[in-house]
Amino acid sequence: MSEENELDVEDDLGKLEDIVEELENEQLDLERSIELFEQGVKLAEGIKKGLSEAEFKLKKVVESSDLDFEAEDFNL
């Protein structure tokens, strides 16, 4: 995973937090709530993909090392 992907995950997490805060506002109309929910789902999918890539990279590093580490699956 490149630095750009890492920044994307962090940025997307921040955006997702903003969406959650806005959705918690009881003054939103239904249309805006649905729009935010759709954006949140797309962001969550990207975050999950980025975290999966990071997990794969870490497993490769651990498996290729001579150290006595065991990699456990990270359950998203």
C-alpha atoms as a PDB file:
ATOM      1  CA  MET A   1       0.000   0.000   0.000  1.00  0.00           C
ATOM      2  CA  SER A   2       1.484   3.318  -1.015  1.00  0.00           C
ATOM      3  CA  GLU A   3       1.616   6.454   1.094  1.00  0.00           C
ATOM      4  CA  GLU A   4      -1.118   7.884  -1.110  1.00  0.00           C
ATOM      5  CA  ASN A   5      -3.410   4.953  -0.264  1.00  0.00           C
ATOM      6  CA  GLU A   6      -2.628   5.365   3.421  1.00  0.00           C
ATOM      7  CA  LEU A   7      -3.574   9.039   3.222  1.00  0.00           C
ATOM      8  CA  ASP A   8      -6.737   8.135   1.328  1.00  0.00           C
ATOM      9  CA  VAL A   9      -7.787   5.759   4.104  1.00  0.00           C
ATOM     10  CA  GLU A  10      -7.137   8.395   6.744  1.00  0.00           C
ATOM     11  CA  ASP A  11      -8.940  11.074   4.734  1.00  0.00           C
ATOM     12  CA  ASP A  12     -11.848   8.726   4.073  1.00  0.00           C
ATOM     13  CA  LEU A  13     -12.106   7.894   7.778  1.00  0.00           C
ATOM     14  CA  GLY A  14     -12.323  11.601   8.548  1.00  0.00           C
ATOM     15  CA  LYS A  15     -14.996  12.095   5.898  1.00  0.00           C
ATOM     16  CA  LEU A  16     -16.930   9.116   7.237  1.00  0.00           C
ATOM     17  CA  GLU A  17     -16.808  10.566  10.749  1.00  0.00           C
ATOM     18  CA  ASP A  18     -18.178  13.855   9.394  1.00  0.00           C
ATOM     19  CA  ILE A  19     -21.003  11.995   7.661  1.00  0.00           C
ATOM     20  CA  VAL A  20     -21.886  10.128  10.850  1.00  0.00           C
ATOM     21  CA  GLU A  21     -21.994  13.393  12.788  1.00  0.00           C
ATOM     22  CA  GLU A  22     -24.273  14.944  10.190  1.00  0.00           C
ATOM     23  CA  LEU A  23     -26.529  11.875  10.143  1.00  0.00           C
ATOM     24  CA  GLU A  24     -26.896  12.121  13.906  1.00  0.00           C
ATOM     25  CA  ASN A  25     -28.480  15.540  13.392  1.00  0.00           C
ATOM     26  CA  GLU A  26     -32.195  15.010  13.801  1.00  0.00           C
ATOM     27  CA  GLN A  27     -32.977  18.022  11.584  1.00  0.00           C
ATOM     28  CA  LEU A  28     -31.953  16.295   8.324  1.00  0.00           C
ATOM     29  CA  ASP A  29     -34.590  15.572   5.750  1.00  0.00           C
ATOM     30  CA  LEU A  30     -34.947  12.068   4.347  1.00  0.00           C
ATOM     31  CA  GLU A  31     -33.369  12.862   0.968  1.00  0.00           C
ATOM     32  CA  ARG A  32     -30.208  14.303   2.570  1.00  0.00           C
ATOM     33  CA  SER A  33     -30.030  11.351   4.976  1.00  0.00           C
ATOM     34  CA  ILE A  34     -30.150   8.879   2.077  1.00  0.00           C
ATOM     35  CA  GLU A  35     -27.504  10.851   0.159  1.00  0.00           C
ATOM     36  CA  LEU A  36     -25.174  10.845   3.165  1.00  0.00           C
ATOM     37  CA  PHE A  37     -25.791   7.161   3.794  1.00  0.00           C
ATOM     38  CA  GLU A  38     -24.838   6.330   0.189  1.00  0.00           C
ATOM     39  CA  GLN A  39     -21.655   8.398   0.494  1.00  0.00           C
ATOM     40  CA  GLY A  40     -20.835   6.676   3.779  1.00  0.00           C
ATOM     41  CA  VAL A  41     -21.246   3.204   2.290  1.00  0.00           C
ATOM     42  CA  LYS A  42     -18.912   4.089  -0.607  1.00  0.00           C
ATOM     43  CA  LEU A  43     -16.335   5.485   1.796  1.00  0.00           C
ATOM     44  CA  ALA A  44     -16.602   2.402   4.028  1.00  0.00           C
ATOM     45  CA  GLU A  45     -15.994   0.141   1.033  1.00  0.00           C
ATOM     46  CA  GLY A  46     -12.851   2.097   0.117  1.00  0.00           C
ATOM     47  CA  ILE A  47     -11.641   2.039   3.715  1.00  0.00           C
ATOM     48  CA  LYS A  48     -12.172  -1.708   3.923  1.00  0.00           C
ATOM     49  CA  LYS A  49     -10.205  -2.216   0.706  1.00  0.00           C
ATOM     50  CA  GLY A  50      -7.369  -0.013   1.958  1.00  0.00           C
ATOM     51  CA  LEU A  51      -7.202  -1.859   5.269  1.00  0.00           C
ATOM     52  CA  SER A  52      -7.216  -5.219   3.475  1.00  0.00           C
ATOM     53  CA  GLU A  53      -4.281  -4.079   1.346  1.00  0.00           C
ATOM     54  CA  ALA A  54      -2.407  -2.966   4.464  1.00  0.00           C
ATOM     55  CA  GLU A  55      -3.132  -6.297   6.162  1.00  0.00           C
ATOM     56  CA  PHE A  56      -1.813  -8.210   3.144  1.00  0.00           C
ATOM     57  CA  LYS A  57       1.350  -6.108   3.071  1.00  0.00           C
ATOM     58  CA  LEU A  58       1.966  -6.669   6.787  1.00  0.00           C
ATOM     59  CA  LYS A  59       1.440 -10.412   6.435  1.00  0.00           C
ATOM     60  CA  LYS A  60       3.997 -10.514   3.628  1.00  0.00           C
ATOM     61  CA  VAL A  61       6.533  -8.657   5.771  1.00  0.00           C
ATOM     62  CA  VAL A  62       5.969 -10.973   8.742  1.00  0.00           C
ATOM     63  CA  GLU A  63       6.126 -14.124   6.629  1.00  0.00           C
ATOM     64  CA  SER A  64       9.327 -13.038   4.902  1.00  0.00           C
ATOM     65  CA  SER A  65      11.113 -12.177   8.139  1.00  0.00           C
ATOM     66  CA  ASP A  66      13.324 -14.530  10.107  1.00  0.00           C
ATOM     67  CA  LEU A  67      11.680 -13.479  13.348  1.00  0.00           C
ATOM     68  CA  ASP A  68       9.393 -15.806  15.227  1.00  0.00           C
ATOM     69  CA  PHE A  69       6.167 -13.895  14.529  1.00  0.00           C
ATOM     70  CA  GLU A  70       2.812 -15.344  13.692  1.00  0.00           C
ATOM     71  CA  ALA A  71       0.348 -13.329  11.652  1.00  0.00           C
ATOM     72  CA  GLU A  72      -3.252 -13.589  12.672  1.00  0.00           C
ATOM     73  CA  ASP A  73      -6.129 -12.623  10.420  1.00  0.00           C
ATOM     74  CA  PHE A  74      -7.527  -9.182  10.992  1.00  0.00           C
ATOM     75  CA  ASN A  75     -11.274  -9.469  10.929  1.00  0.00           C
ATOM     76  CA  LEU A  76     -12.951  -6.462   9.317  1.00  0.00           C
END
